[in-house]
Amino acid sequence: MTFEEYLISKKIDLEKFAKSEPERFEEWRVLFEQMHPESFTMHKKFQINPTRRKYHL
């Protein structure tokens, strides 16, 4: 699973997120590439929902 596919599965708009918060987007992308998707979800559990609300797909 790619980071882009992961964001789609979490209903987060990739383009809006990358454009509005490029540093955080890049941090998440790099971290995602180093972890299993489920581990990433657990690691960012409390940040995913607010991000989804801001950049709803």
PDB file of N, CA and C in Angstrom:
ATOM      1  N   MET A   1       0.846  -1.173   0.000  1.00  0.00           N
ATOM      2  CA  MET A   1       0.000   0.000   0.000  1.00  0.00           C
ATOM      3  C   MET A   1       0.894   1.241   0.000  1.00  0.00           C
ATOM      4  N   THR A   2       0.564   2.177  -0.864  1.00  0.00           N
ATOM      5  CA  THR A   2       1.325   3.425  -0.910  1.00  0.00           C
ATOM      6  C   THR A   2       0.711   4.439   0.054  1.00  0.00           C
ATOM      7  N   PHE A   3       1.443   5.498   0.308  1.00  0.00           N
ATOM      8  CA  PHE A   3       0.932   6.548   1.190  1.00  0.00           C
ATOM      9  C   PHE A   3      -0.318   7.193   0.586  1.00  0.00           C
ATOM     10  N   GLU A   4      -0.329   7.363  -0.720  1.00  0.00           N
ATOM     11  CA  GLU A   4      -1.484   7.950  -1.398  1.00  0.00           C
ATOM     12  C   GLU A   4      -2.715   7.059  -1.233  1.00  0.00           C
ATOM     13  N   GLU A   5      -2.535   5.759  -1.393  1.00  0.00           N
ATOM     14  CA  GLU A   5      -3.644   4.811  -1.208  1.00  0.00           C
ATOM     15  C   GLU A   5      -4.129   4.828   0.238  1.00  0.00           C
ATOM     16  N   TYR A   6      -3.193   4.956   1.155  1.00  0.00           N
ATOM     17  CA  TYR A   6      -3.549   5.009   2.572  1.00  0.00           C
ATOM     18  C   TYR A   6      -4.424   6.235   2.861  1.00  0.00           C
ATOM     19  N   LEU A   7      -4.015   7.394   2.354  1.00  0.00           N
ATOM     20  CA  LEU A   7      -4.800   8.609   2.587  1.00  0.00           C
ATOM     21  C   LEU A   7      -6.198   8.482   1.991  1.00  0.00           C
ATOM     22  N   ILE A   8      -6.303   7.897   0.809  1.00  0.00           N
ATOM     23  CA  ILE A   8      -7.613   7.683   0.194  1.00  0.00           C
ATOM     24  C   ILE A   8      -8.459   6.766   1.071  1.00  0.00           C
ATOM     25  N   SER A   9      -7.855   5.712   1.604  1.00  0.00           N
ATOM     26  CA  SER A   9      -8.598   4.783   2.461  1.00  0.00           C
ATOM     27  C   SER A   9      -9.084   5.458   3.743  1.00  0.00           C
ATOM     28  N   LYS A  10      -8.367   6.488   4.173  1.00  0.00           N
ATOM     29  CA  LYS A  10      -8.759   7.239   5.375  1.00  0.00           C
ATOM     30  C   LYS A  10      -9.607   8.458   5.025  1.00  0.00           C
ATOM     31  N   LYS A  11      -9.950   8.587   3.741  1.00  0.00           N
ATOM     32  CA  LYS A  11     -10.777   9.681   3.229  1.00  0.00           C
ATOM     33  C   LYS A  11     -10.152  11.056   3.470  1.00  0.00           C
ATOM     34  N   ILE A  12      -8.845  11.133   3.245  1.00  0.00           N
ATOM     35  CA  ILE A  12      -8.103  12.390   3.365  1.00  0.00           C
ATOM     36  C   ILE A  12      -7.680  12.811   1.962  1.00  0.00           C
ATOM     37  N   ASP A  13      -7.984  14.056   1.606  1.00  0.00           N
ATOM     38  CA  ASP A  13      -7.634  14.581   0.286  1.00  0.00           C
ATOM     39  C   ASP A  13      -6.136  14.867   0.236  1.00  0.00           C
ATOM     40  N   LEU A  14      -5.443  14.086  -0.557  1.00  0.00           N
ATOM     41  CA  LEU A  14      -3.991  14.160  -0.689  1.00  0.00           C
ATOM     42  C   LEU A  14      -3.528  15.549  -1.119  1.00  0.00           C
ATOM     43  N   GLU A  15      -4.134  16.094  -2.151  1.00  0.00           N
ATOM     44  CA  GLU A  15      -3.696  17.378  -2.696  1.00  0.00           C
ATOM     45  C   GLU A  15      -3.906  18.527  -1.709  1.00  0.00           C
ATOM     46  N   LYS A  16      -5.067  18.591  -1.077  1.00  0.00           N
ATOM     47  CA  LYS A  16      -5.332  19.655  -0.104  1.00  0.00           C
ATOM     48  C   LYS A  16      -4.371  19.568   1.076  1.00  0.00           C
ATOM     49  N   PHE A  17      -4.161  18.357   1.568  1.00  0.00           N
ATOM     50  CA  PHE A  17      -3.266  18.136   2.702  1.00  0.00           C
ATOM     51  C   PHE A  17      -1.840  18.547   2.348  1.00  0.00           C
ATOM     52  N   ALA A  18      -1.360  18.102   1.194  1.00  0.00           N
ATOM     53  CA  ALA A  18       0.014  18.407   0.780  1.00  0.00           C
ATOM     54  C   ALA A  18       0.211  19.901   0.543  1.00  0.00           C
ATOM     55  N   LYS A  19      -0.787  20.559   0.014  1.00  0.00           N
ATOM     56  CA  LYS A  19      -0.680  21.985  -0.285  1.00  0.00           C
ATOM     57  C   LYS A  19      -0.776  22.841   0.982  1.00  0.00           C
ATOM     58  N   SER A  20      -1.654  22.471   1.904  1.00  0.00           N
ATOM     59  CA  SER A  20      -1.886  23.273   3.107  1.00  0.00           C
ATOM     60  C   SER A  20      -0.830  23.061   4.186  1.00  0.00           C
ATOM     61  N   GLU A  21      -0.356  21.826   4.331  1.00  0.00           N
ATOM     62  CA  GLU A  21       0.613  21.505   5.374  1.00  0.00           C
ATOM     63  C   GLU A  21       1.744  20.654   4.799  1.00  0.00           C
ATOM     64  N   PRO A  22       2.579  21.235   3.942  1.00  0.00           N
ATOM     65  CA  PRO A  22       3.615  20.428   3.269  1.00  0.00           C
ATOM     66  C   PRO A  22       4.614  19.770   4.217  1.00  0.00           C
ATOM     67  N   GLU A  23       4.967  20.429   5.302  1.00  0.00           N
ATOM     68  CA  GLU A  23       5.943  19.841   6.228  1.00  0.00           C
ATOM     69  C   GLU A  23       5.361  18.623   6.933  1.00  0.00           C
ATOM     70  N   ARG A  24       4.137  18.749   7.414  1.00  0.00           N
ATOM     71  CA  ARG A  24       3.506  17.619   8.108  1.00  0.00           C
ATOM     72  C   ARG A  24       3.219  16.485   7.127  1.00  0.00           C
ATOM     73  N   PHE A  25       2.790  16.832   5.924  1.00  0.00           N
ATOM     74  CA  PHE A  25       2.547  15.824   4.890  1.00  0.00           C
ATOM     75  C   PHE A  25       3.817  15.016   4.626  1.00  0.00           C
ATOM     76  N   GLU A  26       4.918  15.711   4.457  1.00  0.00           N
ATOM     77  CA  GLU A  26       6.190  15.034   4.174  1.00  0.00           C
ATOM     78  C   GLU A  26       6.636  14.184   5.364  1.00  0.00           C
ATOM     79  N   GLU A  27       6.451  14.693   6.568  1.00  0.00           N
ATOM     80  CA  GLU A  27       6.799  13.930   7.775  1.00  0.00           C
ATOM     81  C   GLU A  27       5.993  12.634   7.825  1.00  0.00           C
ATOM     82  N   TRP A  28       4.694  12.730   7.571  1.00  0.00           N
ATOM     83  CA  TRP A  28       3.837  11.543   7.576  1.00  0.00           C
ATOM     84  C   TRP A  28       4.257  10.572   6.472  1.00  0.00           C
ATOM     85  N   ARG A  29       4.546  11.091   5.275  1.00  0.00           N
ATOM     86  CA  ARG A  29       4.918  10.229   4.148  1.00  0.00           C
ATOM     87  C   ARG A  29       6.185   9.437   4.460  1.00  0.00           C
ATOM     88  N   VAL A  30       7.194  10.108   4.990  1.00  0.00           N
ATOM     89  CA  VAL A  30       8.460   9.447   5.319  1.00  0.00           C
ATOM     90  C   VAL A  30       8.230   8.395   6.411  1.00  0.00           C
ATOM     91  N   LEU A  31       7.486   8.745   7.425  1.00  0.00           N
ATOM     92  CA  LEU A  31       7.204   7.805   8.510  1.00  0.00           C
ATOM     93  C   LEU A  31       6.402   6.603   8.006  1.00  0.00           C
ATOM     94  N   PHE A  32       5.428   6.867   7.136  1.00  0.00           N
ATOM     95  CA  PHE A  32       4.610   5.783   6.582  1.00  0.00           C
ATOM     96  C   PHE A  32       5.467   4.770   5.828  1.00  0.00           C
ATOM     97  N   GLU A  33       6.451   5.267   5.086  1.00  0.00           N
ATOM     98  CA  GLU A  33       7.316   4.377   4.312  1.00  0.00           C
ATOM     99  C   GLU A  33       8.179   3.484   5.202  1.00  0.00           C
ATOM    100  N   GLN A  34       8.359   3.878   6.450  1.00  0.00           N
ATOM    101  CA  GLN A  34       9.192   3.109   7.369  1.00  0.00           C
ATOM    102  C   GLN A  34       8.383   2.145   8.237  1.00  0.00           C
ATOM    103  N   MET A  35       7.058   2.260   8.191  1.00  0.00           N
ATOM    104  CA  MET A  35       6.207   1.466   9.084  1.00  0.00           C
ATOM    105  C   MET A  35       5.166   0.681   8.294  1.00  0.00           C
ATOM    106  N   HIS A  36       4.593  -0.287   8.955  1.00  0.00           N
ATOM    107  CA  HIS A  36       3.428  -0.995   8.431  1.00  0.00           C
ATOM    108  C   HIS A  36       2.232  -0.044   8.557  1.00  0.00           C
ATOM    109  N   PRO A  37       1.273  -0.080   7.614  1.00  0.00           N
ATOM    110  CA  PRO A  37       0.127   0.830   7.686  1.00  0.00           C
ATOM    111  C   PRO A  37      -0.630   0.789   9.017  1.00  0.00           C
ATOM    112  N   GLU A  38      -0.788  -0.399   9.591  1.00  0.00           N
ATOM    113  CA  GLU A  38      -1.491  -0.491  10.875  1.00  0.00           C
ATOM    114  C   GLU A  38      -0.699   0.169  11.995  1.00  0.00           C
ATOM    115  N   SER A  39       0.609   0.039  11.963  1.00  0.00           N
ATOM    116  CA  SER A  39       1.459   0.691  12.960  1.00  0.00           C
ATOM    117  C   SER A  39       1.392   2.209  12.805  1.00  0.00           C
ATOM    118  N   PHE A  40       1.375   2.656  11.569  1.00  0.00           N
ATOM    119  CA  PHE A  40       1.267   4.087  11.314  1.00  0.00           C
ATOM    120  C   PHE A  40      -0.057   4.617  11.859  1.00  0.00           C
ATOM    121  N   THR A  41      -1.119   3.879  11.632  1.00  0.00           N
ATOM    122  CA  THR A  41      -2.436   4.286  12.132  1.00  0.00           C
ATOM    123  C   THR A  41      -2.419   4.392  13.648  1.00  0.00           C
ATOM    124  N   MET A  42      -1.821   3.435  14.309  1.00  0.00           N
ATOM    125  CA  MET A  42      -1.756   3.484  15.776  1.00  0.00           C
ATOM    126  C   MET A  42      -0.885   4.650  16.237  1.00  0.00           C
ATOM    127  N   HIS A  43       0.170   4.919  15.521  1.00  0.00           N
ATOM    128  CA  HIS A  43       1.095   5.991  15.886  1.00  0.00           C
ATOM    129  C   HIS A  43       0.435   7.366  15.738  1.00  0.00           C
ATOM    130  N   LYS A  44      -0.381   7.533  14.713  1.00  0.00           N
ATOM    131  CA  LYS A  44      -1.009   8.825  14.406  1.00  0.00           C
ATOM    132  C   LYS A  44      -2.507   8.823  14.701  1.00  0.00           C
ATOM    133  N   LYS A  45      -2.927   7.909  15.539  1.00  0.00           N
ATOM    134  CA  LYS A  45      -4.350   7.692  15.809  1.00  0.00           C
ATOM    135  C   LYS A  45      -5.125   8.976  16.123  1.00  0.00           C
ATOM    136  N   PHE A  46      -4.573   9.817  16.973  1.00  0.00           N
ATOM    137  CA  PHE A  46      -5.288  11.012  17.403  1.00  0.00           C
ATOM    138  C   PHE A  46      -5.080  12.203  16.467  1.00  0.00           C
ATOM    139  N   GLN A  47      -4.302  12.024  15.423  1.00  0.00           N
ATOM    140  CA  GLN A  47      -4.098  13.091  14.447  1.00  0.00           C
ATOM    141  C   GLN A  47      -4.833  12.828  13.138  1.00  0.00           C
ATOM    142  N   ILE A  48      -5.202  11.585  12.897  1.00  0.00           N
ATOM    143  CA  ILE A  48      -5.852  11.238  11.629  1.00  0.00           C
ATOM    144  C   ILE A  48      -7.244  11.845  11.529  1.00  0.00           C
ATOM    145  N   ASN A  49      -8.065  11.725  12.556  1.00  0.00           N
ATOM    146  CA  ASN A  49      -9.429  12.248  12.471  1.00  0.00           C
ATOM    147  C   ASN A  49      -9.476  13.763  12.277  1.00  0.00           C
ATOM    148  N   PRO A  50      -8.721  14.551  13.044  1.00  0.00           N
ATOM    149  CA  PRO A  50      -8.741  16.000  12.775  1.00  0.00           C
ATOM    150  C   PRO A  50      -8.251  16.339  11.366  1.00  0.00           C
ATOM    151  N   THR A  51      -7.277  15.590  10.881  1.00  0.00           N
ATOM    152  CA  THR A  51      -6.769  15.817   9.527  1.00  0.00           C
ATOM    153  C   THR A  51      -7.843  15.457   8.504  1.00  0.00           C
ATOM    154  N   ARG A  52      -8.554  14.377   8.750  1.00  0.00           N
ATOM    155  CA  ARG A  52      -9.634  13.968   7.844  1.00  0.00           C
ATOM    156  C   ARG A  52     -10.729  15.035   7.792  1.00  0.00           C
ATOM    157  N   ARG A  53     -11.036  15.622   8.940  1.00  0.00           N
ATOM    158  CA  ARG A  53     -12.070  16.670   8.966  1.00  0.00           C
ATOM    159  C   ARG A  53     -11.632  17.914   8.206  1.00  0.00           C
ATOM    160  N   LYS A  54     -10.344  18.245   8.278  1.00  0.00           N
ATOM    161  CA  LYS A  54      -9.827  19.423   7.578  1.00  0.00           C
ATOM    162  C   LYS A  54      -9.742  19.208   6.074  1.00  0.00           C
ATOM    163  N   TYR A  55      -9.353  17.995   5.656  1.00  0.00           N
ATOM    164  CA  TYR A  55      -9.089  17.713   4.239  1.00  0.00           C
ATOM    165  C   TYR A  55      -9.926  16.542   3.754  1.00  0.00           C
ATOM    166  N   HIS A  56     -11.225  16.612   4.015  1.00  0.00           N
ATOM    167  CA  HIS A  56     -12.121  15.518   3.665  1.00  0.00           C
ATOM    168  C   HIS A  56     -12.130  15.283   2.160  1.00  0.00           C
ATOM    169  N   LEU A  57     -12.028  14.008   1.799  1.00  0.00           N
ATOM    170  CA  LEU A  57     -11.991  13.613   0.385  1.00  0.00           C
ATOM    171  C   LEU A  57     -13.378  13.680  -0.208  1.00  0.00           C
TER     172      LEU A  57
END
